[in-house]
Amino acid sequence: MRLWSVAALGIGSMVGAGIFALLGQAALMAGSDVYLSFAIGGVIALLSGYSYARLAARFPSSAGIMDYFDRAYPSRIVAGGLSVLYLVTSIIAIAMIAKTFGAYADRLILGDTSSPWVKSFFASAIVIALVAANMVGSGAVGRLEELLVVAKLVILAVLMLAGAPAIDPALLIAGPTVGAGTLLASVGLTFFAYAGYGMMTNAAGHVANPEVTIPRAIYLAIGLVIVLYIGLAIVVLGSISPAELARYADTAVAQAARPVLGQAGFVIVAGGALFATASAINACIFSALEVSRGLAARGQLPAAVGRATWGQGTHGLVWGAGAILVLVNLFDLGAIAQVAGATFLISYLAIFLAHWRLHAEVGGRRSLILLGAALMALTLGAFTVSLLQTQPIVVGLALVVTAGSFGIEWLVQRRRQASL
């Protein structure tokens, strides 16, 4: 895989999970300040990406985040539990992105009148198709990702260029403004829109010069996506009313194309959303496959998880696909996004601590590690307080996911010790 192939994995997962899936949800939370939320989320992502890049340059491997946790945390239960949490979060994220694919496919093909089960059908179909594609191998994943990323970036660039002159300044300030606490809480969602950059480290085992290529790919992907997100957030907020945004929150970007480019623009951008979300699912499945295979090889999940099925596929990939299909068909997009946002923040906070603990080997500026960790911790705290006030069940689900991940690892290690 080349520099652009690796960066495409990051851009693919970020853009699909971000601007198409979360812009409307984030706007409902942050109001007319949503572009500031994306800017703050981008700064935190760059600081986190700095730690990722330093770790990936020093320890290049397909294990990615698992390798960093194993090296930084002496307890196998802590290191393995964090890796399992990251894997479970990736599975939840795939379900959220698939739900977005289903929402756009539904509106594009059937309009506004179909049932939620139709959206779930489209979501399930794309998951099954891309799981099969990942079984073919990493080369196919990289080539497919390049094509999908180019297609969606062209479509989004056209929307931004066409929409910029038509922005209504009155609409930009028509939505509610929020306080600093709510704005910071909304970063829990907008940071999730960037979270895919971590998946690029899993490609290190498929890159000729990972010490140079992986850091460059991380900075390139995050930098491009920051510009894209802020620009599109301004175009969307300046093109549709707050009431229309609330009604079409799940398909906000395509809805914004209608007043700018007409029905043809809506169709083109909705099609771009299908490319974007498909590429995000593709990248996330690739990462989850690498993580699950690595956890099984390290004895942090049962060996059966890494056992081969067909092609590059494993039993873990098949079981993960089953879990994704259950989430797609039983939960709504907003709840899935908020749970994944919280657990992603926990996983990525652990990366800052891993960088700090491995600083003697990895290097880097300690001030940047502390700044990034502090901003992310504040975001997690504000996000949790906001959810406790509005949707406490989401906090409960996030705690169950986190505790369950460490519980699974405790059971695996207990059985391993008994067998020894």
Protein backbone atom coordinates (compact mmCIF):
# COMPACT_ATOMS: atom_id res chain seq x y z
CA MET A 1 0.00 0.00 0.00
CA ARG A 2 1.28 3.47 -0.93
CA LEU A 3 1.08 6.82 0.87
CA TRP A 4 -2.19 7.73 -0.84
CA SER A 5 -3.67 4.27 -0.23
CA VAL A 6 -2.99 4.58 3.50
CA ALA A 7 -4.24 8.18 3.64
CA ALA A 8 -7.30 7.08 1.69
CA LEU A 9 -8.13 4.55 4.41
CA GLY A 10 -8.11 7.39 6.96
CA ILE A 11 -9.98 9.87 4.79
CA GLY A 12 -12.47 7.18 3.82
CA SER A 13 -13.30 6.25 7.40
CA MET A 14 -13.34 9.87 8.62
CA VAL A 15 -15.42 11.43 5.86
CA GLY A 16 -17.95 8.63 5.69
CA ALA A 17 -18.38 8.51 9.47
CA GLY A 18 -18.17 12.26 9.78
CA ILE A 19 -19.71 14.82 7.52
CA PHE A 20 -22.44 12.57 6.07
CA ALA A 21 -23.28 10.63 9.21
CA LEU A 22 -22.80 13.19 11.97
CA LEU A 23 -23.10 16.75 10.66
CA GLY A 24 -26.85 16.81 11.17
CA GLN A 25 -26.65 15.15 14.59
CA ALA A 26 -23.87 17.53 15.69
CA ALA A 27 -25.83 20.54 14.41
CA LEU A 28 -28.82 19.53 16.53
CA MET A 29 -26.49 19.64 19.54
CA ALA A 30 -24.25 22.64 18.74
CA GLY A 31 -26.69 24.77 16.71
CA SER A 32 -25.11 27.48 14.59
CA ASP A 33 -21.76 26.88 16.33
CA VAL A 34 -21.33 23.46 14.76
CA TYR A 35 -18.45 24.58 12.53
CA LEU A 36 -16.58 25.63 15.69
CA SER A 37 -17.25 22.18 17.10
CA PHE A 38 -15.66 20.62 14.01
CA ALA A 39 -12.68 22.98 14.32
CA ILE A 40 -12.10 22.05 17.98
CA GLY A 41 -12.52 18.38 17.16
CA GLY A 42 -9.94 18.77 14.38
CA VAL A 43 -7.38 20.33 16.75
CA ILE A 44 -7.81 17.44 19.20
CA ALA A 45 -7.53 14.96 16.33
CA LEU A 46 -4.24 16.54 15.19
CA LEU A 47 -2.82 16.34 18.72
CA SER A 48 -3.95 12.73 19.02
CA GLY A 49 -2.62 12.03 15.53
CA TYR A 50 0.76 13.36 16.68
CA SER A 51 0.93 10.66 19.38
CA TYR A 52 -0.27 8.04 16.92
CA ALA A 53 2.34 9.10 14.36
CA ARG A 54 5.19 8.96 16.90
CA LEU A 55 4.10 5.52 18.10
CA ALA A 56 3.60 4.19 14.56
CA ALA A 57 7.01 5.47 13.43
CA ARG A 58 8.74 3.74 16.36
CA PHE A 59 6.66 0.54 16.40
CA PRO A 60 5.41 -0.10 12.84
CA SER A 61 3.20 -3.18 12.69
CA SER A 62 -0.23 -4.26 11.51
CA ALA A 63 -1.19 -4.59 15.18
CA GLY A 64 -1.39 -0.80 15.45
CA ILE A 65 -3.15 0.30 18.63
CA MET A 66 -2.88 -3.19 20.18
CA ASP A 67 0.90 -3.07 20.00
CA TYR A 68 0.99 0.34 21.69
CA PHE A 69 -1.25 -0.83 24.53
CA ASP A 70 0.79 -4.01 25.05
CA ARG A 71 4.04 -2.07 25.23
CA ALA A 72 2.70 0.70 27.48
CA TYR A 73 0.60 -1.24 29.98
CA PRO A 74 2.22 -4.14 31.91
CA SER A 75 -1.14 -5.69 32.86
CA ARG A 76 -2.44 -8.01 30.14
CA ILE A 77 -5.99 -7.39 31.33
CA VAL A 78 -5.61 -3.60 31.00
CA ALA A 79 -3.81 -3.78 27.63
CA GLY A 80 -6.11 -6.44 26.24
CA GLY A 81 -9.24 -4.80 27.64
CA LEU A 82 -8.38 -1.51 25.92
CA SER A 83 -7.77 -3.35 22.64
CA VAL A 84 -11.07 -5.24 22.93
CA LEU A 85 -12.82 -1.92 23.71
CA TYR A 86 -11.32 -0.42 20.55
CA LEU A 87 -12.47 -3.44 18.53
CA VAL A 88 -16.00 -3.27 19.95
CA THR A 89 -16.09 0.48 19.30
CA SER A 90 -15.08 -0.14 15.67
CA ILE A 91 -17.94 -2.62 15.33
CA ILE A 92 -20.40 -0.07 16.76
CA ALA A 93 -18.99 2.60 14.41
CA ILE A 94 -19.50 0.35 11.38
CA ALA A 95 -23.13 -0.12 12.40
CA MET A 96 -23.59 3.66 12.73
CA ILE A 97 -22.08 4.32 9.30
CA ALA A 98 -24.14 1.52 7.76
CA LYS A 99 -27.29 3.11 9.19
CA THR A 100 -26.31 6.35 7.44
CA PHE A 101 -25.76 4.46 4.17
CA GLY A 102 -29.24 3.00 4.57
CA ALA A 103 -30.80 6.43 5.22
CA TYR A 104 -29.22 7.97 2.09
CA ALA A 105 -30.01 4.93 -0.08
CA ASP A 106 -33.61 5.03 1.13
CA ARG A 107 -34.10 8.73 0.33
CA LEU A 108 -32.31 8.45 -3.01
CA ILE A 109 -34.26 5.42 -4.23
CA LEU A 110 -37.62 5.61 -2.46
CA GLY A 111 -38.00 9.19 -1.21
CA ASP A 112 -39.43 10.02 2.23
CA THR A 113 -42.20 7.44 2.52
CA SER A 114 -40.51 4.09 3.24
CA SER A 115 -40.25 2.32 6.61
CA PRO A 116 -37.21 2.03 8.90
CA TRP A 117 -36.93 -1.61 7.88
CA VAL A 118 -36.12 -0.58 4.32
CA LYS A 119 -33.22 1.53 5.60
CA SER A 120 -32.04 -1.44 7.66
CA PHE A 121 -32.19 -3.63 4.55
CA PHE A 122 -29.90 -1.30 2.60
CA ALA A 123 -27.58 -1.01 5.61
CA SER A 124 -27.38 -4.77 6.02
CA ALA A 125 -26.71 -5.31 2.31
CA ILE A 126 -23.70 -2.96 2.21
CA VAL A 127 -22.18 -4.58 5.32
CA ILE A 128 -22.44 -8.05 3.80
CA ALA A 129 -20.98 -6.88 0.47
CA LEU A 130 -17.96 -5.14 2.03
CA VAL A 131 -17.22 -7.95 4.46
CA ALA A 132 -16.92 -10.16 1.38
CA ALA A 133 -14.60 -7.59 -0.28
CA ASN A 134 -12.31 -7.56 2.74
CA MET A 135 -12.03 -11.33 2.57
CA VAL A 136 -10.34 -10.89 -0.83
CA GLY A 137 -7.27 -9.15 0.72
CA SER A 138 -5.58 -5.84 1.58
CA GLY A 139 -4.59 -5.02 -2.00
CA ALA A 140 -8.23 -5.07 -3.07
CA VAL A 141 -9.14 -2.95 -0.04
CA GLY A 142 -6.53 -0.31 -0.92
CA ARG A 143 -7.55 -0.07 -4.58
CA LEU A 144 -11.26 0.04 -3.73
CA GLU A 145 -10.63 2.71 -1.10
CA GLU A 146 -8.71 4.95 -3.54
CA LEU A 147 -11.58 4.86 -6.05
CA LEU A 148 -14.25 5.55 -3.41
CA VAL A 149 -12.30 8.41 -1.80
CA VAL A 150 -11.61 10.16 -5.11
CA ALA A 151 -15.28 9.91 -6.10
CA LYS A 152 -16.64 11.38 -2.90
CA LEU A 153 -14.01 14.13 -2.61
CA VAL A 154 -14.85 15.33 -6.13
CA ILE A 155 -18.58 15.42 -5.30
CA LEU A 156 -18.05 17.26 -2.01
CA ALA A 157 -15.68 19.75 -3.64
CA VAL A 158 -18.34 20.54 -6.25
CA LEU A 159 -20.92 21.08 -3.50
CA MET A 160 -18.58 23.41 -1.60
CA LEU A 161 -17.64 25.45 -4.69
CA ALA A 162 -21.24 25.72 -5.89
CA GLY A 163 -22.66 26.34 -2.43
CA ALA A 164 -20.21 28.98 -1.21
CA PRO A 165 -21.63 31.85 -3.35
CA ALA A 166 -25.18 30.91 -2.38
CA ILE A 167 -24.62 30.92 1.40
CA ASP A 168 -27.26 32.97 3.21
CA PRO A 169 -25.56 34.77 6.13
CA ALA A 170 -28.91 34.98 7.93
CA LEU A 171 -29.19 31.18 7.95
CA LEU A 172 -25.70 30.84 9.44
CA ILE A 173 -26.89 32.59 12.59
CA ALA A 174 -30.51 31.40 12.48
CA GLY A 175 -29.90 28.34 14.62
CA PRO A 176 -29.57 28.49 18.39
CA THR A 177 -26.21 29.44 19.89
CA VAL A 178 -24.93 27.36 22.78
CA GLY A 179 -22.70 27.92 25.77
CA ALA A 180 -19.11 26.76 26.12
CA GLY A 181 -20.16 23.61 27.99
CA THR A 182 -22.60 22.44 25.32
CA LEU A 183 -20.17 23.36 22.54
CA LEU A 184 -17.44 21.27 24.17
CA ALA A 185 -19.91 18.43 24.71
CA SER A 186 -20.77 18.47 21.00
CA VAL A 187 -17.09 17.82 20.26
CA GLY A 188 -17.77 14.31 21.58
CA LEU A 189 -19.66 13.75 18.32
CA THR A 190 -17.51 15.84 15.99
CA PHE A 191 -14.29 14.22 17.25
CA PHE A 192 -15.86 10.88 16.41
CA ALA A 193 -16.10 12.22 12.86
CA TYR A 194 -12.27 12.30 12.83
CA ALA A 195 -11.64 9.08 14.77
CA GLY A 196 -10.88 6.98 11.70
CA TYR A 197 -7.30 8.27 11.45
CA GLY A 198 -6.26 5.68 14.04
CA MET A 199 -7.09 2.92 11.60
CA MET A 200 -4.21 3.94 9.32
CA THR A 201 -1.70 2.44 11.75
CA ASN A 202 -3.16 -1.01 11.07
CA ALA A 203 -1.84 -0.71 7.51
CA ALA A 204 1.79 -0.49 8.71
CA GLY A 205 2.36 -4.18 7.99
CA HIS A 206 1.30 -3.64 4.38
CA VAL A 207 3.56 -0.58 3.71
CA ALA A 208 7.14 -0.69 2.39
CA ASN A 209 8.46 2.22 4.52
CA PRO A 210 6.03 2.57 7.46
CA GLU A 211 8.32 4.78 9.58
CA VAL A 212 7.92 7.57 7.03
CA THR A 213 4.67 6.72 5.26
CA ILE A 214 2.34 6.25 8.26
CA PRO A 215 3.06 9.64 9.97
CA ARG A 216 2.79 11.48 6.64
CA ALA A 217 -0.47 9.73 5.85
CA ILE A 218 -1.94 10.62 9.27
CA TYR A 219 -1.09 14.34 8.98
CA LEU A 220 -2.23 14.48 5.33
CA ALA A 221 -5.57 12.80 6.05
CA ILE A 222 -6.44 14.84 9.16
CA GLY A 223 -5.40 18.15 7.55
CA LEU A 224 -7.52 17.58 4.44
CA VAL A 225 -10.52 16.46 6.47
CA ILE A 226 -10.43 19.49 8.81
CA VAL A 227 -10.69 21.84 5.82
CA LEU A 228 -13.43 19.71 4.29
CA TYR A 229 -15.53 19.49 7.46
CA ILE A 230 -15.45 23.18 8.34
CA GLY A 231 -16.18 24.20 4.75
CA LEU A 232 -19.09 21.82 4.38
CA ALA A 233 -20.52 22.71 7.78
CA ILE A 234 -20.66 26.37 6.72
CA VAL A 235 -22.23 25.48 3.35
CA VAL A 236 -24.88 23.24 4.93
CA LEU A 237 -25.82 25.70 7.68
CA GLY A 238 -25.93 28.53 5.16
CA SER A 239 -28.20 26.63 2.75
CA ILE A 240 -31.05 25.14 4.80
CA SER A 241 -33.16 26.36 7.72
CA PRO A 242 -32.82 24.98 11.26
CA ALA A 243 -36.26 23.35 10.94
CA GLU A 244 -35.26 21.61 7.70
CA LEU A 245 -31.97 20.54 9.27
CA ALA A 246 -33.80 18.98 12.21
CA ARG A 247 -36.18 17.12 9.89
CA TYR A 248 -33.43 15.75 7.65
CA ALA A 249 -30.64 15.41 10.23
CA ASP A 250 -29.54 11.99 8.97
CA THR A 251 -29.21 13.21 5.35
CA ALA A 252 -28.35 16.88 5.95
CA VAL A 253 -25.55 17.19 3.37
CA ALA A 254 -27.70 15.96 0.47
CA GLN A 255 -30.58 18.16 1.64
CA ALA A 256 -28.27 21.20 1.50
CA ALA A 257 -27.49 20.44 -2.14
CA ARG A 258 -31.13 20.82 -3.20
CA PRO A 259 -31.42 24.65 -2.92
CA VAL A 260 -27.91 25.06 -4.38
CA LEU A 261 -27.89 22.55 -7.25
CA GLY A 262 -31.55 21.52 -7.54
CA GLN A 263 -32.86 17.96 -7.63
CA ALA A 264 -29.93 16.83 -9.79
CA GLY A 265 -27.55 18.13 -7.11
CA PHE A 266 -29.47 16.30 -4.43
CA VAL A 267 -29.17 13.05 -6.39
CA ILE A 268 -25.45 13.56 -7.04
CA VAL A 269 -24.60 14.39 -3.42
CA ALA A 270 -26.78 11.58 -2.08
CA GLY A 271 -24.87 9.28 -4.42
CA GLY A 272 -21.64 10.73 -3.05
CA ALA A 273 -22.89 9.94 0.44
CA LEU A 274 -23.28 6.31 -0.60
CA PHE A 275 -19.66 6.30 -1.86
CA ALA A 276 -18.49 8.00 1.34
CA THR A 277 -20.25 5.75 3.79
CA ALA A 278 -19.33 2.64 1.79
CA SER A 279 -15.66 3.61 1.89
CA ALA A 280 -15.87 4.28 5.63
CA ILE A 281 -17.40 0.86 6.25
CA ASN A 282 -14.70 -0.67 4.04
CA ALA A 283 -11.88 1.01 6.01
CA CYS A 284 -13.40 0.16 9.40
CA ILE A 285 -13.91 -3.49 8.48
CA PHE A 286 -10.27 -3.68 7.34
CA SER A 287 -9.13 -2.27 10.69
CA ALA A 288 -11.42 -4.52 12.73
CA LEU A 289 -10.17 -7.57 10.82
CA GLU A 290 -6.54 -6.70 11.59
CA VAL A 291 -7.30 -5.97 15.26
CA SER A 292 -9.32 -9.16 15.85
CA ARG A 293 -6.70 -11.31 14.12
CA GLY A 294 -3.95 -9.68 16.19
CA LEU A 295 -5.82 -10.09 19.49
CA ALA A 296 -6.32 -13.78 18.79
CA ALA A 297 -2.63 -14.25 17.91
CA ARG A 298 -1.60 -12.52 21.17
CA GLY A 299 -3.89 -14.63 23.30
CA GLN A 300 -6.09 -11.64 24.18
CA LEU A 301 -9.12 -13.20 22.47
CA PRO A 302 -9.86 -16.90 21.91
CA ALA A 303 -7.79 -18.47 19.12
CA ALA A 304 -11.00 -19.28 17.21
CA VAL A 305 -11.46 -15.54 16.53
CA GLY A 306 -8.38 -15.53 14.27
CA ARG A 307 -9.06 -18.86 12.59
CA ALA A 308 -9.33 -18.57 8.80
CA THR A 309 -12.63 -19.03 6.98
CA TRP A 310 -12.34 -17.98 3.32
CA GLY A 311 -9.63 -15.86 1.68
CA GLN A 312 -8.36 -13.31 4.19
CA GLY A 313 -11.47 -13.69 6.33
CA THR A 314 -11.60 -15.07 9.86
CA HIS A 315 -14.23 -16.40 12.23
CA GLY A 316 -13.89 -13.12 14.13
CA LEU A 317 -14.79 -11.16 11.00
CA VAL A 318 -17.89 -13.30 10.45
CA TRP A 319 -18.98 -12.98 14.10
CA GLY A 320 -18.29 -9.24 14.03
CA ALA A 321 -20.42 -8.92 10.90
CA GLY A 322 -23.23 -10.69 12.74
CA ALA A 323 -22.96 -8.21 15.63
CA ILE A 324 -23.04 -5.29 13.19
CA LEU A 325 -26.19 -6.62 11.56
CA VAL A 326 -27.88 -6.94 14.97
CA LEU A 327 -27.02 -3.30 15.84
CA VAL A 328 -28.15 -2.07 12.41
CA ASN A 329 -31.55 -3.68 12.76
CA LEU A 330 -32.27 -2.93 16.44
CA PHE A 331 -30.88 0.55 17.27
CA ASP A 332 -31.27 4.07 15.87
CA LEU A 333 -28.43 6.13 14.43
CA GLY A 334 -28.27 8.76 17.19
CA ALA A 335 -27.87 6.28 20.05
CA ILE A 336 -25.22 4.26 18.18
CA ALA A 337 -23.24 7.42 17.37
CA GLN A 338 -23.25 8.68 20.95
CA VAL A 339 -22.14 5.36 22.46
CA ALA A 340 -19.35 5.03 19.90
CA GLY A 341 -18.30 8.66 20.45
CA ALA A 342 -17.86 8.07 24.19
CA THR A 343 -15.94 4.80 23.84
CA PHE A 344 -13.70 6.21 21.09
CA LEU A 345 -12.73 9.07 23.45
CA ILE A 346 -11.83 6.54 26.17
CA SER A 347 -9.70 4.48 23.74
CA TYR A 348 -7.89 7.50 22.36
CA LEU A 349 -7.24 8.94 25.82
CA ALA A 350 -5.40 5.70 26.55
CA ILE A 351 -3.16 6.41 23.52
CA PHE A 352 -1.99 9.70 25.05
CA LEU A 353 -1.11 7.85 28.26
CA ALA A 354 0.65 5.13 26.23
CA HIS A 355 2.74 7.77 24.45
CA TRP A 356 3.61 9.34 27.81
CA ARG A 357 4.66 6.00 29.29
CA LEU A 358 6.74 5.10 26.20
CA HIS A 359 8.23 8.58 25.77
CA ALA A 360 11.79 7.41 26.38
CA GLU A 361 11.57 5.15 23.32
CA VAL A 362 9.15 7.13 21.16
CA GLY A 363 10.18 10.75 21.80
CA GLY A 364 8.03 13.77 21.01
CA ARG A 365 7.00 16.89 22.93
CA ARG A 366 5.51 16.14 26.33
CA SER A 367 3.66 19.48 26.23
CA LEU A 368 1.69 18.33 23.16
CA ILE A 369 0.84 15.02 24.85
CA LEU A 370 -0.47 16.84 27.94
CA LEU A 371 -2.40 19.43 25.91
CA GLY A 372 -4.08 16.79 23.76
CA ALA A 373 -4.95 14.59 26.74
CA ALA A 374 -6.37 17.55 28.70
CA LEU A 375 -8.57 18.69 25.80
CA MET A 376 -9.83 15.17 25.19
CA ALA A 377 -10.56 14.59 28.88
CA LEU A 378 -12.52 17.86 29.05
CA THR A 379 -14.48 16.83 25.96
CA LEU A 380 -15.30 13.41 27.45
CA GLY A 381 -16.40 15.02 30.71
CA ALA A 382 -18.63 17.60 29.02
CA PHE A 383 -20.08 14.96 26.68
CA THR A 384 -20.88 12.67 29.62
CA VAL A 385 -22.56 15.46 31.63
CA SER A 386 -24.66 16.44 28.61
CA LEU A 387 -25.75 12.84 28.01
CA LEU A 388 -26.62 12.35 31.69
CA GLN A 389 -28.96 15.32 31.40
CA THR A 390 -30.55 14.36 28.08
CA GLN A 391 -30.06 10.63 27.41
CA PRO A 392 -28.75 8.85 30.52
CA ILE A 393 -29.37 5.46 28.93
CA VAL A 394 -26.55 6.18 26.47
CA VAL A 395 -24.12 6.66 29.37
CA GLY A 396 -25.31 3.34 30.78
CA LEU A 397 -24.74 1.61 27.43
CA ALA A 398 -21.24 3.11 27.12
CA LEU A 399 -20.39 1.87 30.62
CA VAL A 400 -21.71 -1.60 29.76
CA VAL A 401 -19.59 -1.69 26.59
CA THR A 402 -16.47 -0.53 28.46
CA ALA A 403 -16.95 -2.87 31.45
CA GLY A 404 -17.89 -5.73 29.14
CA SER A 405 -14.69 -5.32 27.11
CA PHE A 406 -12.52 -5.59 30.22
CA GLY A 407 -14.71 -8.43 31.52
CA ILE A 408 -14.16 -10.40 28.33
CA GLU A 409 -10.41 -9.91 28.63
CA TRP A 410 -10.45 -10.97 32.29
CA LEU A 411 -12.23 -14.20 31.35
CA VAL A 412 -9.82 -14.88 28.46
CA GLN A 413 -6.77 -14.38 30.68
CA ARG A 414 -8.29 -16.49 33.46
CA ARG A 415 -8.87 -19.39 31.07
CA ARG A 416 -5.39 -18.93 29.63
CA GLN A 417 -3.78 -19.12 33.07
CA ALA A 418 -5.86 -22.18 33.94
CA SER A 419 -4.73 -23.98 30.78
CA LEU A 420 -1.10 -23.14 31.52
